[in-house]
Amino acid sequence: MLYAAFAEPIEKYLEAGIIPLAILLFSGLILMGYCLFHDAFWGLSNKKKIKRIAVTVWALFSVLNVFNTVENISPDKIWIAGRLSSRFMLPLLLSIFFAIALILMLLKNRMKNDEE
């Protein structure tokens, strides 16, 4: 429904594949935030070693996606036929997703430590 509502006016400026991916990533962030803050953290919330590994992996994904995004920043890769290209926008969306997820994980970790 969101895609149908926003697709036509936005497709003038973005490639069509970016819109559903952005919606999926946003809904994934909502699910991850809900699971983190309602202690449904897939069994990782009680094990400090596994929690550190999970945060480290998310931080690594964030950094690697930032490098991929920076690599794709050039005028010929950003704008194709007057629209933002998916070659630039997909790594940018993934970088934003991983960064916000990492912030959520660190925030939950900080809240858990304050409670103890």
N, C-alpha and C. Protein backbone atom coordinates (compact mmCIF):
# COMPACT_ATOMS: atom_id res chain seq x y z
N MET A 1 0.82 -1.19 0.00
CA MET A 1 0.00 0.00 0.00
C MET A 1 0.87 1.26 0.00
N LEU A 2 1.96 1.22 0.78
CA LEU A 2 2.85 2.38 0.79
C LEU A 2 3.48 2.61 -0.57
N TYR A 3 3.89 1.51 -1.21
CA TYR A 3 4.49 1.63 -2.52
C TYR A 3 3.50 2.21 -3.53
N ALA A 4 2.27 1.75 -3.47
CA ALA A 4 1.25 2.27 -4.39
C ALA A 4 0.98 3.75 -4.13
N ALA A 5 1.05 4.16 -2.89
CA ALA A 5 0.77 5.55 -2.55
C ALA A 5 1.90 6.49 -2.97
N PHE A 6 3.14 6.03 -2.83
CA PHE A 6 4.27 6.92 -3.07
C PHE A 6 4.99 6.69 -4.39
N ALA A 7 4.72 5.59 -5.08
CA ALA A 7 5.52 5.21 -6.24
C ALA A 7 5.45 6.21 -7.37
N GLU A 8 4.27 6.61 -7.77
CA GLU A 8 4.15 7.44 -8.97
C GLU A 8 4.82 8.80 -8.83
N PRO A 9 4.56 9.58 -7.77
CA PRO A 9 5.23 10.88 -7.71
C PRO A 9 6.74 10.77 -7.43
N ILE A 10 7.16 9.74 -6.72
CA ILE A 10 8.57 9.63 -6.35
C ILE A 10 9.41 9.05 -7.48
N GLU A 11 8.83 8.21 -8.34
CA GLU A 11 9.60 7.58 -9.41
C GLU A 11 10.16 8.59 -10.40
N LYS A 12 9.69 9.83 -10.35
CA LYS A 12 10.29 10.87 -11.19
C LYS A 12 11.70 11.20 -10.73
N TYR A 13 11.98 10.97 -9.44
CA TYR A 13 13.26 11.37 -8.87
C TYR A 13 14.12 10.18 -8.45
N LEU A 14 13.53 9.03 -8.22
CA LEU A 14 14.24 7.83 -7.78
C LEU A 14 13.93 6.67 -8.72
N GLU A 15 14.84 5.71 -8.77
CA GLU A 15 14.54 4.49 -9.51
C GLU A 15 13.53 3.68 -8.71
N ALA A 16 12.73 2.90 -9.40
CA ALA A 16 11.59 2.21 -8.78
C ALA A 16 11.99 1.20 -7.72
N GLY A 17 13.12 0.53 -7.84
CA GLY A 17 13.51 -0.50 -6.89
C GLY A 17 13.89 0.01 -5.52
N ILE A 18 14.17 1.27 -5.41
CA ILE A 18 14.62 1.84 -4.14
C ILE A 18 13.46 1.95 -3.15
N ILE A 19 12.28 2.23 -3.63
CA ILE A 19 11.13 2.48 -2.75
C ILE A 19 10.76 1.23 -1.94
N PRO A 20 10.57 0.05 -2.56
CA PRO A 20 10.23 -1.11 -1.73
C PRO A 20 11.34 -1.51 -0.78
N LEU A 21 12.60 -1.34 -1.21
CA LEU A 21 13.71 -1.67 -0.33
C LEU A 21 13.74 -0.75 0.89
N ALA A 22 13.49 0.53 0.68
CA ALA A 22 13.46 1.47 1.80
C ALA A 22 12.33 1.11 2.77
N ILE A 23 11.18 0.71 2.24
CA ILE A 23 10.07 0.31 3.09
C ILE A 23 10.42 -0.94 3.88
N LEU A 24 11.07 -1.92 3.24
CA LEU A 24 11.47 -3.14 3.94
C LEU A 24 12.51 -2.86 5.02
N LEU A 25 13.49 -2.03 4.73
CA LEU A 25 14.51 -1.71 5.73
C LEU A 25 13.91 -0.95 6.91
N PHE A 26 12.98 -0.04 6.64
CA PHE A 26 12.34 0.70 7.72
C PHE A 26 11.52 -0.24 8.60
N SER A 27 10.78 -1.16 7.98
CA SER A 27 10.00 -2.11 8.78
C SER A 27 10.93 -3.06 9.55
N GLY A 28 12.08 -3.39 8.98
CA GLY A 28 13.07 -4.20 9.70
C GLY A 28 13.61 -3.48 10.92
N LEU A 29 13.83 -2.18 10.80
CA LEU A 29 14.27 -1.40 11.95
C LEU A 29 13.22 -1.36 13.05
N ILE A 30 11.97 -1.24 12.65
CA ILE A 30 10.89 -1.24 13.64
C ILE A 30 10.84 -2.59 14.36
N LEU A 31 10.94 -3.69 13.61
CA LEU A 31 10.94 -5.02 14.22
C LEU A 31 12.14 -5.19 15.13
N MET A 32 13.31 -4.77 14.68
CA MET A 32 14.51 -4.92 15.51
C MET A 32 14.41 -4.09 16.78
N GLY A 33 13.93 -2.87 16.66
CA GLY A 33 13.76 -2.03 17.85
C GLY A 33 12.76 -2.62 18.82
N TYR A 34 11.67 -3.15 18.31
CA TYR A 34 10.67 -3.77 19.19
C TYR A 34 11.27 -4.98 19.90
N CYS A 35 11.96 -5.83 19.16
CA CYS A 35 12.56 -7.02 19.76
C CYS A 35 13.63 -6.66 20.78
N LEU A 36 14.44 -5.66 20.48
CA LEU A 36 15.48 -5.25 21.42
C LEU A 36 14.91 -4.71 22.72
N PHE A 37 13.95 -3.82 22.62
CA PHE A 37 13.46 -3.14 23.80
C PHE A 37 12.37 -3.90 24.55
N HIS A 38 11.96 -5.05 24.01
CA HIS A 38 11.03 -5.92 24.74
C HIS A 38 11.72 -7.24 25.11
N ASP A 39 13.04 -7.21 25.14
CA ASP A 39 13.88 -8.35 25.54
C ASP A 39 13.58 -9.62 24.77
N ALA A 40 13.30 -9.48 23.52
CA ALA A 40 13.17 -10.64 22.63
C ALA A 40 14.36 -10.60 21.67
N PHE A 41 15.54 -10.49 22.23
CA PHE A 41 16.77 -10.25 21.49
C PHE A 41 17.38 -11.56 21.00
N TRP A 42 16.53 -12.51 20.66
CA TRP A 42 16.93 -13.80 20.09
C TRP A 42 17.94 -14.53 20.97
N GLY A 43 17.78 -14.41 22.29
CA GLY A 43 18.64 -15.14 23.21
C GLY A 43 20.00 -14.53 23.43
N LEU A 44 20.26 -13.36 22.86
CA LEU A 44 21.58 -12.75 23.01
C LEU A 44 21.66 -11.82 24.20
N SER A 45 20.55 -11.46 24.81
CA SER A 45 20.57 -10.43 25.84
C SER A 45 21.22 -10.90 27.13
N ASN A 46 21.29 -12.20 27.38
CA ASN A 46 21.84 -12.67 28.64
C ASN A 46 23.31 -13.08 28.55
N LYS A 47 23.86 -13.16 27.38
CA LYS A 47 25.24 -13.62 27.21
C LYS A 47 26.10 -12.46 26.73
N LYS A 48 27.00 -12.00 27.61
CA LYS A 48 27.80 -10.82 27.29
C LYS A 48 28.73 -11.04 26.10
N LYS A 49 29.34 -12.22 26.02
CA LYS A 49 30.28 -12.49 24.94
C LYS A 49 29.57 -12.46 23.58
N ILE A 50 28.41 -13.12 23.51
CA ILE A 50 27.67 -13.16 22.26
C ILE A 50 27.13 -11.77 21.92
N LYS A 51 26.74 -11.01 22.93
CA LYS A 51 26.24 -9.65 22.69
C LYS A 51 27.35 -8.78 22.11
N ARG A 52 28.56 -8.91 22.64
CA ARG A 52 29.69 -8.14 22.10
C ARG A 52 29.99 -8.53 20.66
N ILE A 53 29.89 -9.82 20.36
CA ILE A 53 30.12 -10.28 19.00
C ILE A 53 29.06 -9.69 18.06
N ALA A 54 27.80 -9.70 18.51
CA ALA A 54 26.73 -9.15 17.67
C ALA A 54 26.93 -7.67 17.41
N VAL A 55 27.29 -6.91 18.44
CA VAL A 55 27.53 -5.47 18.26
C VAL A 55 28.74 -5.25 17.36
N THR A 56 29.78 -6.07 17.51
CA THR A 56 30.97 -5.95 16.66
C THR A 56 30.64 -6.24 15.20
N VAL A 57 29.84 -7.26 14.96
CA VAL A 57 29.45 -7.60 13.58
C VAL A 57 28.64 -6.47 12.97
N TRP A 58 27.69 -5.90 13.73
CA TRP A 58 26.90 -4.78 13.21
C TRP A 58 27.78 -3.57 12.94
N ALA A 59 28.74 -3.31 13.82
CA ALA A 59 29.66 -2.18 13.61
C ALA A 59 30.50 -2.42 12.35
N LEU A 60 30.94 -3.65 12.15
CA LEU A 60 31.72 -3.98 10.95
C LEU A 60 30.88 -3.79 9.69
N PHE A 61 29.63 -4.27 9.71
CA PHE A 61 28.75 -4.05 8.57
C PHE A 61 28.54 -2.56 8.29
N SER A 62 28.38 -1.78 9.34
CA SER A 62 28.19 -0.34 9.18
C SER A 62 29.40 0.30 8.50
N VAL A 63 30.58 -0.04 8.98
CA VAL A 63 31.80 0.55 8.41
C VAL A 63 32.00 0.11 6.97
N LEU A 64 31.80 -1.16 6.68
CA LEU A 64 31.97 -1.64 5.31
C LEU A 64 30.98 -1.00 4.35
N ASN A 65 29.75 -0.78 4.80
CA ASN A 65 28.78 -0.13 3.94
C ASN A 65 29.08 1.34 3.75
N VAL A 66 29.67 1.99 4.74
CA VAL A 66 30.07 3.39 4.56
C VAL A 66 31.15 3.47 3.49
N PHE A 67 32.11 2.53 3.51
CA PHE A 67 33.15 2.52 2.47
C PHE A 67 32.53 2.31 1.09
N ASN A 68 31.56 1.43 0.98
CA ASN A 68 30.89 1.19 -0.29
C ASN A 68 30.12 2.43 -0.75
N THR A 69 29.50 3.13 0.18
CA THR A 69 28.76 4.34 -0.17
C THR A 69 29.70 5.43 -0.65
N VAL A 70 30.80 5.61 0.06
CA VAL A 70 31.77 6.64 -0.33
C VAL A 70 32.36 6.33 -1.69
N GLU A 71 32.58 5.05 -1.97
CA GLU A 71 33.12 4.65 -3.27
C GLU A 71 32.18 5.02 -4.42
N ASN A 72 30.88 5.01 -4.16
CA ASN A 72 29.89 5.28 -5.21
C ASN A 72 29.51 6.75 -5.32
N ILE A 73 30.17 7.63 -4.58
CA ILE A 73 29.85 9.05 -4.67
C ILE A 73 30.63 9.67 -5.81
N SER A 74 29.95 9.89 -6.88
CA SER A 74 30.45 10.65 -8.02
C SER A 74 29.24 11.07 -8.84
N PRO A 75 29.32 12.21 -9.50
CA PRO A 75 28.13 12.70 -10.23
C PRO A 75 27.59 11.73 -11.27
N ASP A 76 28.46 10.96 -11.92
CA ASP A 76 27.97 10.04 -12.95
C ASP A 76 27.33 8.79 -12.35
N LYS A 77 27.58 8.50 -11.08
CA LYS A 77 26.94 7.34 -10.44
C LYS A 77 25.70 7.74 -9.65
N ILE A 78 25.63 8.97 -9.17
CA ILE A 78 24.50 9.40 -8.36
C ILE A 78 23.27 9.67 -9.23
N TRP A 79 23.45 10.44 -10.28
CA TRP A 79 22.32 10.84 -11.14
C TRP A 79 22.43 10.12 -12.48
N ILE A 80 21.41 9.36 -12.81
CA ILE A 80 21.32 8.70 -14.12
C ILE A 80 19.98 9.10 -14.72
N ALA A 81 20.02 9.77 -15.86
CA ALA A 81 18.83 10.24 -16.57
C ALA A 81 17.95 11.13 -15.68
N GLY A 82 18.58 11.95 -14.85
CA GLY A 82 17.85 12.90 -14.02
C GLY A 82 17.22 12.31 -12.77
N ARG A 83 17.54 11.03 -12.47
CA ARG A 83 16.99 10.39 -11.27
C ARG A 83 18.14 9.85 -10.43
N LEU A 84 17.91 9.77 -9.11
CA LEU A 84 18.90 9.15 -8.23
C LEU A 84 18.98 7.67 -8.56
N SER A 85 20.19 7.18 -8.76
CA SER A 85 20.35 5.79 -9.19
C SER A 85 20.37 4.86 -7.99
N SER A 86 19.99 3.63 -8.25
CA SER A 86 20.03 2.62 -7.19
C SER A 86 21.46 2.23 -6.87
N ARG A 87 22.38 2.42 -7.78
CA ARG A 87 23.79 2.11 -7.53
C ARG A 87 24.33 2.96 -6.38
N PHE A 88 23.83 4.16 -6.23
CA PHE A 88 24.23 5.03 -5.13
C PHE A 88 23.32 4.87 -3.92
N MET A 89 22.02 4.79 -4.16
CA MET A 89 21.05 4.82 -3.06
C MET A 89 21.02 3.53 -2.24
N LEU A 90 21.23 2.37 -2.86
CA LEU A 90 21.17 1.13 -2.10
C LEU A 90 22.25 1.04 -1.03
N PRO A 91 23.52 1.30 -1.36
CA PRO A 91 24.52 1.29 -0.27
C PRO A 91 24.25 2.37 0.78
N LEU A 92 23.71 3.51 0.36
CA LEU A 92 23.39 4.57 1.32
C LEU A 92 22.27 4.12 2.26
N LEU A 93 21.22 3.50 1.71
CA LEU A 93 20.13 2.99 2.55
C LEU A 93 20.63 1.91 3.51
N LEU A 94 21.48 1.01 3.02
CA LEU A 94 22.02 -0.03 3.90
C LEU A 94 22.92 0.55 4.98
N SER A 95 23.71 1.56 4.65
CA SER A 95 24.55 2.22 5.66
C SER A 95 23.69 2.86 6.74
N ILE A 96 22.63 3.52 6.33
CA ILE A 96 21.73 4.14 7.31
C ILE A 96 21.06 3.07 8.16
N PHE A 97 20.62 1.97 7.53
CA PHE A 97 20.00 0.87 8.27
C PHE A 97 20.95 0.30 9.32
N PHE A 98 22.17 -0.04 8.92
CA PHE A 98 23.12 -0.63 9.86
C PHE A 98 23.52 0.35 10.95
N ALA A 99 23.64 1.63 10.61
CA ALA A 99 23.99 2.63 11.63
C ALA A 99 22.88 2.79 12.67
N ILE A 100 21.64 2.87 12.22
CA ILE A 100 20.53 3.01 13.17
C ILE A 100 20.37 1.74 14.01
N ALA A 101 20.54 0.57 13.38
CA ALA A 101 20.47 -0.68 14.14
C ALA A 101 21.58 -0.75 15.18
N LEU A 102 22.77 -0.31 14.83
CA LEU A 102 23.87 -0.29 15.79
C LEU A 102 23.58 0.67 16.93
N ILE A 103 23.02 1.82 16.63
CA ILE A 103 22.65 2.78 17.67
C ILE A 103 21.60 2.17 18.60
N LEU A 104 20.61 1.47 18.03
CA LEU A 104 19.60 0.81 18.86
C LEU A 104 20.23 -0.24 19.78
N MET A 105 21.16 -1.03 19.24
CA MET A 105 21.82 -2.05 20.04
C MET A 105 22.64 -1.43 21.16
N LEU A 106 23.39 -0.38 20.86
CA LEU A 106 24.20 0.28 21.88
C LEU A 106 23.33 0.96 22.93
N LEU A 107 22.21 1.54 22.49
CA LEU A 107 21.29 2.17 23.43
C LEU A 107 20.69 1.14 24.38
N LYS A 108 20.28 -0.01 23.85
CA LYS A 108 19.74 -1.07 24.68
C LYS A 108 20.80 -1.59 25.65
N ASN A 109 22.04 -1.74 25.16
CA ASN A 109 23.12 -2.19 26.02
C ASN A 109 23.37 -1.19 27.15
N ARG A 110 23.33 0.09 26.83
CA ARG A 110 23.54 1.12 27.83
C ARG A 110 22.39 1.13 28.87
N MET A 111 21.18 0.96 28.40
CA MET A 111 20.03 0.92 29.31
C MET A 111 20.11 -0.31 30.22
N LYS A 112 20.55 -1.43 29.69
CA LYS A 112 20.68 -2.67 30.46
C LYS A 112 21.75 -2.50 31.53
N ASN A 113 22.88 -1.84 31.17
CA ASN A 113 23.95 -1.63 32.13
C ASN A 113 23.51 -0.65 33.24
N ASP A 114 22.71 0.34 32.89
CA ASP A 114 22.23 1.29 33.90
C ASP A 114 21.28 0.63 34.88
N GLU A 115 20.50 -0.35 34.41
CA GLU A 115 19.58 -1.06 35.29
C GLU A 115 20.31 -1.93 36.30
N GLU A 116 21.45 -2.49 35.88
CA GLU A 116 22.23 -3.37 36.75
C GLU A 116 23.04 -2.55 37.69
